[in-house]
Amino acid sequence: MTGGRRAALAIGVPVCLLLVGVLGVSLVVDFAEGDYPVSYTIPAATEALTLNVTGQLTIQPTKARQGTVTGKATYSLLRPAVTEHTSGDATTLGYGCDFPSRNCGLDATVTIPATVTTLTASSGGGNATVTGTTGPLNLSSGDGNLSVDHASGPVTLNTDSGDIRVSAITSAVLYASTGDGNVQATGVTSATIRVNTNNGAISGSGIATTSISASSGDGNIVITFSSVPRDVHVNTDSGSITLLLPPGPTQYHVAANTGSGNITDGSLPKTTNQSAPNQITASTGDGNITISQQ
């Protein structure tokens, strides 16, 4: 046997064995996939609830004394259980697979009683929808979309690449951040609003706030205010900015700047007083800026 053949065998045989092993594991995983129903009752003493799962989450209020978690868990090879850790009034629920698999998750509906005053939830790569929370809400996802309706406590939302949608929010603060998704807000009353997206668009209607900061890398920003804002900071690298303010004689100190677009704010009551109580700062690299009254 020549040296070249021996070298080919020395390299090729281990590679072939590795490929066979990987293919074999993949076939075993495919044939060993399973699922089972989940039904869990949240401890009655729980005031702070944390959910750490990978899957689709639907969270809603209940008038019952105790909350519940119901849904379907999927797995491959090894069947994991829903984990629980309770310490005092804090409960943490989790679901995950020890064996790496594309088919592992918990799609669940969670009911929250009024006794749960703080909610922290992560859906991994799944979408999450939350309705009717009254206390602090911290919601996150890796790639999924986030949707929150009728929340009255402080809201913090974060997703790596999904969209964020909020409506009917009355809270002291609203923080929303996404890597590549869009942010849409409707009917939000919040003293402080902070919104950020790297590549998406930001749109808001019926916004009542004292202070708002909105930033986008490439997307457009369109915000319609239902009350006079005192402090507005918006910027986008290459999108356009449109701000629609309530009618009336209120004057604003406006600082608007664009690299190559047009600025339109002629009909807006303005002041040159830089210490005026109502401040608007808007900047974009390439887009147009329009600031006007409705």
C-alpha atoms as a PDB file:
ATOM      1  CA  MET A   1       0.000   0.000   0.000  1.00  0.00           C
ATOM      2  CA  THR A   2       1.343   3.354  -0.980  1.00  0.00           C
ATOM      3  CA  GLY A   3       1.897   6.199   1.443  1.00  0.00           C
ATOM      4  CA  GLY A   4      -0.880   8.216  -0.174  1.00  0.00           C
ATOM      5  CA  ARG A   5      -3.421   5.445   0.375  1.00  0.00           C
ATOM      6  CA  ARG A   6      -2.357   5.009   3.992  1.00  0.00           C
ATOM      7  CA  ALA A   7      -2.773   8.758   4.544  1.00  0.00           C
ATOM      8  CA  ALA A   8      -6.199   8.704   2.870  1.00  0.00           C
ATOM      9  CA  LEU A   9      -7.291   5.831   5.110  1.00  0.00           C
ATOM     10  CA  ALA A  10      -5.918   7.537   8.210  1.00  0.00           C
ATOM     11  CA  ILE A  11      -7.954  10.642   7.472  1.00  0.00           C
ATOM     12  CA  GLY A  12     -11.004   9.164   5.769  1.00  0.00           C
ATOM     13  CA  VAL A  13     -11.883   6.366   8.189  1.00  0.00           C
ATOM     14  CA  PRO A  14     -12.260   8.598  11.289  1.00  0.00           C
ATOM     15  CA  VAL A  15     -14.258  11.125   9.270  1.00  0.00           C
ATOM     16  CA  CYS A  16     -16.600   8.417   7.981  1.00  0.00           C
ATOM     17  CA  LEU A  17     -17.060   7.022  11.483  1.00  0.00           C
ATOM     18  CA  LEU A  18     -17.846  10.494  12.778  1.00  0.00           C
ATOM     19  CA  LEU A  19     -20.418  11.082  10.048  1.00  0.00           C
ATOM     20  CA  VAL A  20     -22.016   7.705  10.725  1.00  0.00           C
ATOM     21  CA  GLY A  21     -22.161   8.514  14.433  1.00  0.00           C
ATOM     22  CA  VAL A  22     -23.736  11.922  13.881  1.00  0.00           C
ATOM     23  CA  LEU A  23     -26.254  10.482  11.422  1.00  0.00           C
ATOM     24  CA  GLY A  24     -27.068   7.696  13.827  1.00  0.00           C
ATOM     25  CA  VAL A  25     -27.677  10.079  16.710  1.00  0.00           C
ATOM     26  CA  SER A  26     -29.838  12.245  14.465  1.00  0.00           C
ATOM     27  CA  LEU A  27     -31.953   9.258  13.447  1.00  0.00           C
ATOM     28  CA  VAL A  28     -32.316   8.163  17.068  1.00  0.00           C
ATOM     29  CA  VAL A  29     -33.389  11.665  18.081  1.00  0.00           C
ATOM     30  CA  ASP A  30     -35.933  11.817  15.263  1.00  0.00           C
ATOM     31  CA  PHE A  31     -37.476   8.490  16.227  1.00  0.00           C
ATOM     32  CA  ALA A  32     -37.357   9.253  19.963  1.00  0.00           C
ATOM     33  CA  GLU A  33     -39.347  12.492  19.838  1.00  0.00           C
ATOM     34  CA  GLY A  34     -42.323  12.702  22.140  1.00  0.00           C
ATOM     35  CA  ASP A  35     -44.713  15.001  23.947  1.00  0.00           C
ATOM     36  CA  TYR A  36     -46.923  14.990  27.015  1.00  0.00           C
ATOM     37  CA  PRO A  37     -49.587  17.252  28.542  1.00  0.00           C
ATOM     38  CA  VAL A  38     -48.648  19.618  31.345  1.00  0.00           C
ATOM     39  CA  SER A  39     -51.017  20.656  34.112  1.00  0.00           C
ATOM     40  CA  TYR A  40     -49.588  22.498  37.078  1.00  0.00           C
ATOM     41  CA  THR A  41     -51.019  24.602  39.890  1.00  0.00           C
ATOM     42  CA  ILE A  42     -49.002  27.598  41.041  1.00  0.00           C
ATOM     43  CA  PRO A  43     -48.560  27.689  44.850  1.00  0.00           C
ATOM     44  CA  ALA A  44     -51.142  29.927  46.505  1.00  0.00           C
ATOM     45  CA  ALA A  45     -48.504  31.916  48.421  1.00  0.00           C
ATOM     46  CA  THR A  46     -46.740  33.015  45.212  1.00  0.00           C
ATOM     47  CA  GLU A  47     -46.386  36.775  44.805  1.00  0.00           C
ATOM     48  CA  ALA A  48     -43.322  36.819  42.506  1.00  0.00           C
ATOM     49  CA  LEU A  49     -43.486  34.353  39.610  1.00  0.00           C
ATOM     50  CA  THR A  50     -40.628  33.554  37.211  1.00  0.00           C
ATOM     51  CA  LEU A  51     -41.121  31.432  34.075  1.00  0.00           C
ATOM     52  CA  ASN A  52     -38.123  30.113  32.122  1.00  0.00           C
ATOM     53  CA  VAL A  53     -39.213  27.985  29.174  1.00  0.00           C
ATOM     54  CA  THR A  54     -38.599  27.529  25.467  1.00  0.00           C
ATOM     55  CA  GLY A  55     -41.887  27.685  23.624  1.00  0.00           C
ATOM     56  CA  GLN A  56     -45.033  29.689  23.032  1.00  0.00           C
ATOM     57  CA  LEU A  57     -46.368  31.487  26.116  1.00  0.00           C
ATOM     58  CA  THR A  58     -49.835  32.907  26.677  1.00  0.00           C
ATOM     59  CA  ILE A  59     -50.229  34.630  30.047  1.00  0.00           C
ATOM     60  CA  GLN A  60     -53.568  35.995  31.248  1.00  0.00           C
ATOM     61  CA  PRO A  61     -55.294  36.920  34.518  1.00  0.00           C
ATOM     62  CA  THR A  62     -57.653  34.707  36.454  1.00  0.00           C
ATOM     63  CA  LYS A  63     -60.131  35.400  39.255  1.00  0.00           C
ATOM     64  CA  ALA A  64     -59.273  32.070  40.852  1.00  0.00           C
ATOM     65  CA  ARG A  65     -57.235  31.953  44.039  1.00  0.00           C
ATOM     66  CA  GLN A  66     -54.403  30.028  42.390  1.00  0.00           C
ATOM     67  CA  GLY A  67     -52.850  30.254  38.965  1.00  0.00           C
ATOM     68  CA  THR A  68     -52.254  27.372  36.584  1.00  0.00           C
ATOM     69  CA  VAL A  69     -49.880  26.275  33.835  1.00  0.00           C
ATOM     70  CA  THR A  70     -51.376  24.049  31.126  1.00  0.00           C
ATOM     71  CA  GLY A  71     -50.031  23.025  27.752  1.00  0.00           C
ATOM     72  CA  LYS A  72     -47.918  20.529  25.853  1.00  0.00           C
ATOM     73  CA  ALA A  73     -44.261  19.712  26.414  1.00  0.00           C
ATOM     74  CA  THR A  74     -42.139  18.257  23.616  1.00  0.00           C
ATOM     75  CA  TYR A  75     -38.769  16.511  23.897  1.00  0.00           C
ATOM     76  CA  SER A  76     -36.312  14.107  22.255  1.00  0.00           C
ATOM     77  CA  LEU A  77     -34.756  10.983  23.792  1.00  0.00           C
ATOM     78  CA  LEU A  78     -35.018  11.973  27.461  1.00  0.00           C
ATOM     79  CA  ARG A  79     -38.263  13.249  28.900  1.00  0.00           C
ATOM     80  CA  PRO A  80     -37.681  16.212  31.225  1.00  0.00           C
ATOM     81  CA  ALA A  81     -40.161  17.443  33.790  1.00  0.00           C
ATOM     82  CA  VAL A  82     -41.348  20.946  34.598  1.00  0.00           C
ATOM     83  CA  THR A  83     -39.084  22.165  37.385  1.00  0.00           C
ATOM     84  CA  GLU A  84     -40.244  24.200  40.354  1.00  0.00           C
ATOM     85  CA  HIS A  85     -38.375  26.109  43.002  1.00  0.00           C
ATOM     86  CA  THR A  86     -40.282  27.951  45.713  1.00  0.00           C
ATOM     87  CA  SER A  87     -38.744  30.165  48.364  1.00  0.00           C
ATOM     88  CA  GLY A  88     -41.148  32.146  50.517  1.00  0.00           C
ATOM     89  CA  ASP A  89     -43.479  34.048  48.191  1.00  0.00           C
ATOM     90  CA  ALA A  90     -41.266  33.526  45.084  1.00  0.00           C
ATOM     91  CA  THR A  91     -41.794  30.653  42.644  1.00  0.00           C
ATOM     92  CA  THR A  92     -39.643  29.786  39.621  1.00  0.00           C
ATOM     93  CA  LEU A  93     -40.903  27.371  36.954  1.00  0.00           C
ATOM     94  CA  GLY A  94     -38.722  26.052  34.160  1.00  0.00           C
ATOM     95  CA  TYR A  95     -38.670  23.603  31.285  1.00  0.00           C
ATOM     96  CA  GLY A  96     -35.705  22.561  29.206  1.00  0.00           C
ATOM     97  CA  CYS A  97     -34.048  19.491  27.690  1.00  0.00           C
ATOM     98  CA  ASP A  98     -30.678  18.145  28.811  1.00  0.00           C
ATOM     99  CA  PHE A  99     -30.169  16.550  25.382  1.00  0.00           C
ATOM    100  CA  PRO A 100     -29.748  19.155  22.605  1.00  0.00           C
ATOM    101  CA  SER A 101     -32.646  18.886  20.192  1.00  0.00           C
ATOM    102  CA  ARG A 102     -34.599  20.955  17.727  1.00  0.00           C
ATOM    103  CA  ASN A 103     -37.789  19.537  19.236  1.00  0.00           C
ATOM    104  CA  CYS A 104     -37.793  20.688  22.835  1.00  0.00           C
ATOM    105  CA  GLY A 105     -40.234  23.182  24.273  1.00  0.00           C
ATOM    106  CA  LEU A 106     -43.276  23.949  26.347  1.00  0.00           C
ATOM    107  CA  ASP A 107     -46.222  25.650  24.676  1.00  0.00           C
ATOM    108  CA  ALA A 108     -48.263  26.808  27.639  1.00  0.00           C
ATOM    109  CA  THR A 109     -51.143  28.952  28.804  1.00  0.00           C
ATOM    110  CA  VAL A 110     -50.491  30.500  32.212  1.00  0.00           C
ATOM    111  CA  THR A 111     -53.201  32.050  34.382  1.00  0.00           C
ATOM    112  CA  ILE A 112     -52.126  34.613  36.965  1.00  0.00           C
ATOM    113  CA  PRO A 113     -54.230  35.458  40.057  1.00  0.00           C
ATOM    114  CA  ALA A 114     -54.280  38.930  41.568  1.00  0.00           C
ATOM    115  CA  THR A 115     -51.977  37.717  44.354  1.00  0.00           C
ATOM    116  CA  VAL A 116     -49.090  37.453  41.871  1.00  0.00           C
ATOM    117  CA  THR A 117     -47.764  41.012  41.856  1.00  0.00           C
ATOM    118  CA  THR A 118     -44.464  40.529  39.973  1.00  0.00           C
ATOM    119  CA  LEU A 119     -44.012  38.519  36.776  1.00  0.00           C
ATOM    120  CA  THR A 120     -40.777  37.628  34.988  1.00  0.00           C
ATOM    121  CA  ALA A 121     -41.066  35.412  31.917  1.00  0.00           C
ATOM    122  CA  SER A 122     -38.706  34.173  29.208  1.00  0.00           C
ATOM    123  CA  SER A 123     -39.967  32.198  26.217  1.00  0.00           C
ATOM    124  CA  GLY A 124     -36.608  31.239  24.731  1.00  0.00           C
ATOM    125  CA  GLY A 125     -37.239  31.318  20.995  1.00  0.00           C
ATOM    126  CA  GLY A 126     -41.028  31.337  21.197  1.00  0.00           C
ATOM    127  CA  ASN A 127     -43.628  34.075  21.052  1.00  0.00           C
ATOM    128  CA  ALA A 128     -45.125  35.451  24.265  1.00  0.00           C
ATOM    129  CA  THR A 129     -48.470  37.179  24.798  1.00  0.00           C
ATOM    130  CA  VAL A 130     -49.360  38.786  28.135  1.00  0.00           C
ATOM    131  CA  THR A 131     -52.686  40.353  29.092  1.00  0.00           C
ATOM    132  CA  GLY A 132     -53.943  42.130  32.181  1.00  0.00           C
ATOM    133  CA  THR A 133     -50.952  42.323  34.510  1.00  0.00           C
ATOM    134  CA  THR A 134     -51.056  44.907  37.307  1.00  0.00           C
ATOM    135  CA  GLY A 135     -47.567  44.636  38.778  1.00  0.00           C
ATOM    136  CA  PRO A 136     -44.035  44.817  37.384  1.00  0.00           C
ATOM    137  CA  LEU A 137     -43.646  42.792  34.174  1.00  0.00           C
ATOM    138  CA  ASN A 138     -40.314  41.701  32.715  1.00  0.00           C
ATOM    139  CA  LEU A 139     -40.782  39.756  29.469  1.00  0.00           C
ATOM    140  CA  SER A 140     -38.070  38.461  27.152  1.00  0.00           C
ATOM    141  CA  SER A 141     -37.532  36.178  24.166  1.00  0.00           C
ATOM    142  CA  GLY A 142     -34.616  35.132  22.011  1.00  0.00           C
ATOM    143  CA  ASP A 143     -36.245  35.193  18.578  1.00  0.00           C
ATOM    144  CA  GLY A 144     -39.944  35.417  19.326  1.00  0.00           C
ATOM    145  CA  ASN A 145     -42.469  38.232  19.164  1.00  0.00           C
ATOM    146  CA  LEU A 146     -43.730  39.912  22.325  1.00  0.00           C
ATOM    147  CA  SER A 147     -47.258  41.252  22.799  1.00  0.00           C
ATOM    148  CA  VAL A 148     -48.618  43.000  25.912  1.00  0.00           C
ATOM    149  CA  ASP A 149     -52.150  44.324  26.381  1.00  0.00           C
ATOM    150  CA  HIS A 150     -53.865  46.096  29.300  1.00  0.00           C
ATOM    151  CA  ALA A 151     -50.902  46.198  31.666  1.00  0.00           C
ATOM    152  CA  SER A 152     -50.810  48.730  34.497  1.00  0.00           C
ATOM    153  CA  GLY A 153     -47.473  48.025  36.138  1.00  0.00           C
ATOM    154  CA  PRO A 154     -43.929  48.892  35.005  1.00  0.00           C
ATOM    155  CA  VAL A 155     -43.172  47.011  31.764  1.00  0.00           C
ATOM    156  CA  THR A 156     -39.769  45.868  30.478  1.00  0.00           C
ATOM    157  CA  LEU A 157     -39.651  44.005  27.144  1.00  0.00           C
ATOM    158  CA  ASN A 158     -36.673  42.561  25.311  1.00  0.00           C
ATOM    159  CA  THR A 159     -36.329  40.302  22.271  1.00  0.00           C
ATOM    160  CA  ASP A 160     -33.269  39.634  20.149  1.00  0.00           C
ATOM    161  CA  SER A 161     -34.985  39.614  16.763  1.00  0.00           C
ATOM    162  CA  GLY A 162     -38.763  39.587  17.207  1.00  0.00           C
ATOM    163  CA  ASP A 163     -41.407  42.293  16.977  1.00  0.00           C
ATOM    164  CA  ILE A 164     -42.858  44.061  20.012  1.00  0.00           C
ATOM    165  CA  ARG A 165     -46.488  45.171  20.227  1.00  0.00           C
ATOM    166  CA  VAL A 166     -48.072  46.936  23.206  1.00  0.00           C
ATOM    167  CA  SER A 167     -51.544  48.401  23.659  1.00  0.00           C
ATOM    168  CA  ALA A 168     -53.646  49.886  26.452  1.00  0.00           C
ATOM    169  CA  ILE A 169     -50.657  50.317  28.759  1.00  0.00           C
ATOM    170  CA  THR A 170     -50.876  52.545  31.847  1.00  0.00           C
ATOM    171  CA  SER A 171     -47.602  52.321  33.709  1.00  0.00           C
ATOM    172  CA  ALA A 172     -44.931  54.441  35.320  1.00  0.00           C
ATOM    173  CA  VAL A 173     -42.296  53.204  32.863  1.00  0.00           C
ATOM    174  CA  LEU A 174     -42.222  51.295  29.578  1.00  0.00           C
ATOM    175  CA  TYR A 175     -38.945  49.908  28.262  1.00  0.00           C
ATOM    176  CA  ALA A 176     -38.943  48.026  24.933  1.00  0.00           C
ATOM    177  CA  SER A 177     -35.897  46.785  23.053  1.00  0.00           C
ATOM    178  CA  THR A 178     -35.470  44.531  20.027  1.00  0.00           C
ATOM    179  CA  GLY A 179     -32.501  43.719  17.843  1.00  0.00           C
ATOM    180  CA  ASP A 180     -34.090  43.391  14.415  1.00  0.00           C
ATOM    181  CA  GLY A 181     -37.832  43.695  14.957  1.00  0.00           C
ATOM    182  CA  ASN A 182     -40.415  46.461  14.797  1.00  0.00           C
ATOM    183  CA  VAL A 183     -42.038  48.179  17.778  1.00  0.00           C
ATOM    184  CA  GLN A 184     -45.711  49.161  17.687  1.00  0.00           C
ATOM    185  CA  ALA A 185     -47.447  50.968  20.566  1.00  0.00           C
ATOM    186  CA  THR A 186     -51.124  51.940  20.787  1.00  0.00           C
ATOM    187  CA  GLY A 187     -52.861  53.732  23.630  1.00  0.00           C
ATOM    188  CA  VAL A 188     -49.906  54.000  25.989  1.00  0.00           C
ATOM    189  CA  THR A 189     -49.961  56.251  29.049  1.00  0.00           C
ATOM    190  CA  SER A 190     -46.603  56.189  30.768  1.00  0.00           C
ATOM    191  CA  ALA A 191     -44.472  58.826  32.455  1.00  0.00           C
ATOM    192  CA  THR A 192     -41.296  57.424  30.908  1.00  0.00           C
ATOM    193  CA  ILE A 193     -40.986  55.517  27.625  1.00  0.00           C
ATOM    194  CA  ARG A 194     -37.730  54.107  26.248  1.00  0.00           C
ATOM    195  CA  VAL A 195     -37.813  52.261  22.896  1.00  0.00           C
ATOM    196  CA  ASN A 196     -34.906  50.883  20.908  1.00  0.00           C
ATOM    197  CA  THR A 197     -34.530  48.753  17.777  1.00  0.00           C
ATOM    198  CA  ASN A 198     -31.417  48.171  15.732  1.00  0.00           C
ATOM    199  CA  ASN A 199     -33.047  47.641  12.347  1.00  0.00           C
ATOM    200  CA  GLY A 200     -36.803  47.918  12.702  1.00  0.00           C
ATOM    201  CA  ALA A 201     -39.437  50.639  12.583  1.00  0.00           C
ATOM    202  CA  ILE A 202     -41.087  52.354  15.556  1.00  0.00           C
ATOM    203  CA  SER A 203     -44.720  53.431  15.430  1.00  0.00           C
ATOM    204  CA  GLY A 204     -46.870  54.841  18.195  1.00  0.00           C
ATOM    205  CA  SER A 205     -50.401  56.224  18.353  1.00  0.00           C
ATOM    206  CA  GLY A 206     -52.330  57.614  21.294  1.00  0.00           C
ATOM    207  CA  ILE A 207     -49.113  58.159  23.265  1.00  0.00           C
ATOM    208  CA  ALA A 208     -49.397  60.127  26.507  1.00  0.00           C
ATOM    209  CA  THR A 209     -46.048  60.601  28.209  1.00  0.00           C
ATOM    210  CA  THR A 210     -43.827  63.096  29.982  1.00  0.00           C
ATOM    211  CA  SER A 211     -40.588  61.738  28.554  1.00  0.00           C
ATOM    212  CA  ILE A 212     -39.974  59.532  25.517  1.00  0.00           C
ATOM    213  CA  SER A 213     -36.780  58.297  23.901  1.00  0.00           C
ATOM    214  CA  ALA A 214     -36.968  56.296  20.654  1.00  0.00           C
ATOM    215  CA  SER A 215     -34.008  55.053  18.646  1.00  0.00           C
ATOM    216  CA  SER A 216     -33.756  53.002  15.448  1.00  0.00           C
ATOM    217  CA  GLY A 217     -30.840  51.989  13.304  1.00  0.00           C
ATOM    218  CA  ASP A 218     -32.475  51.839   9.875  1.00  0.00           C
ATOM    219  CA  GLY A 219     -36.210  52.130  10.414  1.00  0.00           C
ATOM    220  CA  ASN A 220     -38.727  54.957  10.309  1.00  0.00           C
ATOM    221  CA  ILE A 221     -40.166  56.504  13.471  1.00  0.00           C
ATOM    222  CA  VAL A 222     -43.792  57.698  13.537  1.00  0.00           C
ATOM    223  CA  ILE A 223     -45.343  58.844  16.834  1.00  0.00           C
ATOM    224  CA  THR A 224     -48.736  60.448  17.415  1.00  0.00           C
ATOM    225  CA  PHE A 225     -49.187  62.050  20.847  1.00  0.00           C
ATOM    226  CA  SER A 226     -52.487  62.303  22.695  1.00  0.00           C
ATOM    227  CA  SER A 227     -51.112  64.775  25.254  1.00  0.00           C
ATOM    228  CA  VAL A 228     -48.342  67.370  25.300  1.00  0.00           C
ATOM    229  CA  PRO A 229     -44.956  65.710  25.909  1.00  0.00           C
ATOM    230  CA  ARG A 230     -42.292  67.594  27.843  1.00  0.00           C
ATOM    231  CA  ASP A 231     -39.177  65.766  26.668  1.00  0.00           C
ATOM    232  CA  VAL A 232     -38.885  64.003  23.283  1.00  0.00           C
ATOM    233  CA  HIS A 233     -35.667  62.458  21.972  1.00  0.00           C
ATOM    234  CA  VAL A 234     -35.858  60.464  18.718  1.00  0.00           C
ATOM    235  CA  ASN A 235     -33.126  59.416  16.338  1.00  0.00           C
ATOM    236  CA  THR A 236     -32.616  57.006  13.447  1.00  0.00           C
ATOM    237  CA  ASP A 237     -29.542  56.378  11.331  1.00  0.00           C
ATOM    238  CA  SER A 238     -31.260  56.249   7.952  1.00  0.00           C
ATOM    239  CA  GLY A 239     -35.024  56.373   8.433  1.00  0.00           C
ATOM    240  CA  SER A 240     -37.542  59.217   8.444  1.00  0.00           C
ATOM    241  CA  ILE A 241     -39.097  60.784  11.554  1.00  0.00           C
ATOM    242  CA  THR A 242     -42.700  61.967  11.892  1.00  0.00           C
ATOM    243  CA  LEU A 243     -43.975  63.488  15.160  1.00  0.00           C
ATOM    244  CA  LEU A 244     -47.639  64.535  15.415  1.00  0.00           C
ATOM    245  CA  LEU A 245     -48.397  66.679  18.469  1.00  0.00           C
ATOM    246  CA  PRO A 246     -51.745  67.685  20.010  1.00  0.00           C
ATOM    247  CA  PRO A 247     -53.357  70.891  18.729  1.00  0.00           C
ATOM    248  CA  GLY A 248     -53.100  74.018  20.847  1.00  0.00           C
ATOM    249  CA  PRO A 249     -50.852  76.991  21.641  1.00  0.00           C
ATOM    250  CA  THR A 250     -48.152  75.014  23.489  1.00  0.00           C
ATOM    251  CA  GLN A 251     -44.699  76.045  22.330  1.00  0.00           C
ATOM    252  CA  TYR A 252     -41.787  73.672  21.870  1.00  0.00           C
ATOM    253  CA  HIS A 253     -38.085  74.188  21.665  1.00  0.00           C
ATOM    254  CA  VAL A 254     -37.139  72.098  18.625  1.00  0.00           C
ATOM    255  CA  ALA A 255     -33.688  70.833  17.699  1.00  0.00           C
ATOM    256  CA  ALA A 256     -33.932  68.882  14.435  1.00  0.00           C
ATOM    257  CA  ASN A 257     -31.090  67.654  12.280  1.00  0.00           C
ATOM    258  CA  THR A 258     -30.810  65.482   9.174  1.00  0.00           C
ATOM    259  CA  GLY A 259     -27.818  64.608   7.059  1.00  0.00           C
ATOM    260  CA  SER A 260     -29.475  64.599   3.638  1.00  0.00           C
ATOM    261  CA  GLY A 261     -33.251  64.853   4.134  1.00  0.00           C
ATOM    262  CA  ASN A 262     -35.747  67.678   4.595  1.00  0.00           C
ATOM    263  CA  ILE A 263     -37.058  69.208   7.828  1.00  0.00           C
ATOM    264  CA  THR A 264     -40.682  70.367   8.081  1.00  0.00           C
ATOM    265  CA  ASP A 265     -41.925  72.048  11.280  1.00  0.00           C
ATOM    266  CA  GLY A 266     -43.224  75.396  10.061  1.00  0.00           C
ATOM    267  CA  SER A 267     -46.752  75.148  11.500  1.00  0.00           C
ATOM    268  CA  LEU A 268     -45.606  74.148  14.980  1.00  0.00           C
ATOM    269  CA  PRO A 269     -45.658  76.817  17.736  1.00  0.00           C
ATOM    270  CA  LYS A 270     -41.975  77.157  18.620  1.00  0.00           C
ATOM    271  CA  THR A 271     -39.706  79.078  20.911  1.00  0.00           C
ATOM    272  CA  THR A 272     -36.020  79.846  20.705  1.00  0.00           C
ATOM    273  CA  ASN A 273     -35.765  79.517  24.475  1.00  0.00           C
ATOM    274  CA  GLN A 274     -33.527  76.506  25.035  1.00  0.00           C
ATOM    275  CA  SER A 275     -34.753  76.179  28.606  1.00  0.00           C
ATOM    276  CA  ALA A 276     -38.403  75.963  27.562  1.00  0.00           C
ATOM    277  CA  PRO A 277     -40.313  73.220  29.424  1.00  0.00           C
ATOM    278  CA  ASN A 278     -41.236  71.320  26.255  1.00  0.00           C
ATOM    279  CA  GLN A 279     -38.204  70.015  24.367  1.00  0.00           C
ATOM    280  CA  ILE A 280     -38.056  68.060  21.095  1.00  0.00           C
ATOM    281  CA  THR A 281     -34.804  66.657  19.742  1.00  0.00           C
ATOM    282  CA  ALA A 282     -34.944  64.723  16.451  1.00  0.00           C
ATOM    283  CA  SER A 283     -32.075  63.549  14.286  1.00  0.00           C
ATOM    284  CA  THR A 284     -31.594  61.240  11.299  1.00  0.00           C
ATOM    285  CA  GLY A 285     -28.725  60.449   9.005  1.00  0.00           C
ATOM    286  CA  ASP A 286     -30.558  60.275   5.673  1.00  0.00           C
ATOM    287  CA  GLY A 287     -34.303  60.658   6.227  1.00  0.00           C
ATOM    288  CA  ASN A 288     -36.844  63.445   6.379  1.00  0.00           C
ATOM    289  CA  ILE A 289     -38.135  64.996   9.618  1.00  0.00           C
ATOM    290  CA  THR A 290     -41.722  66.189   9.964  1.00  0.00           C
ATOM    291  CA  ILE A 291     -42.951  67.751  13.222  1.00  0.00           C
ATOM    292  CA  SER A 292     -46.446  69.173  13.242  1.00  0.00           C
ATOM    293  CA  GLN A 293     -49.715  69.420  15.127  1.00  0.00           C
ATOM    294  CA  GLN A 294     -52.587  67.077  14.417  1.00  0.00           C
END
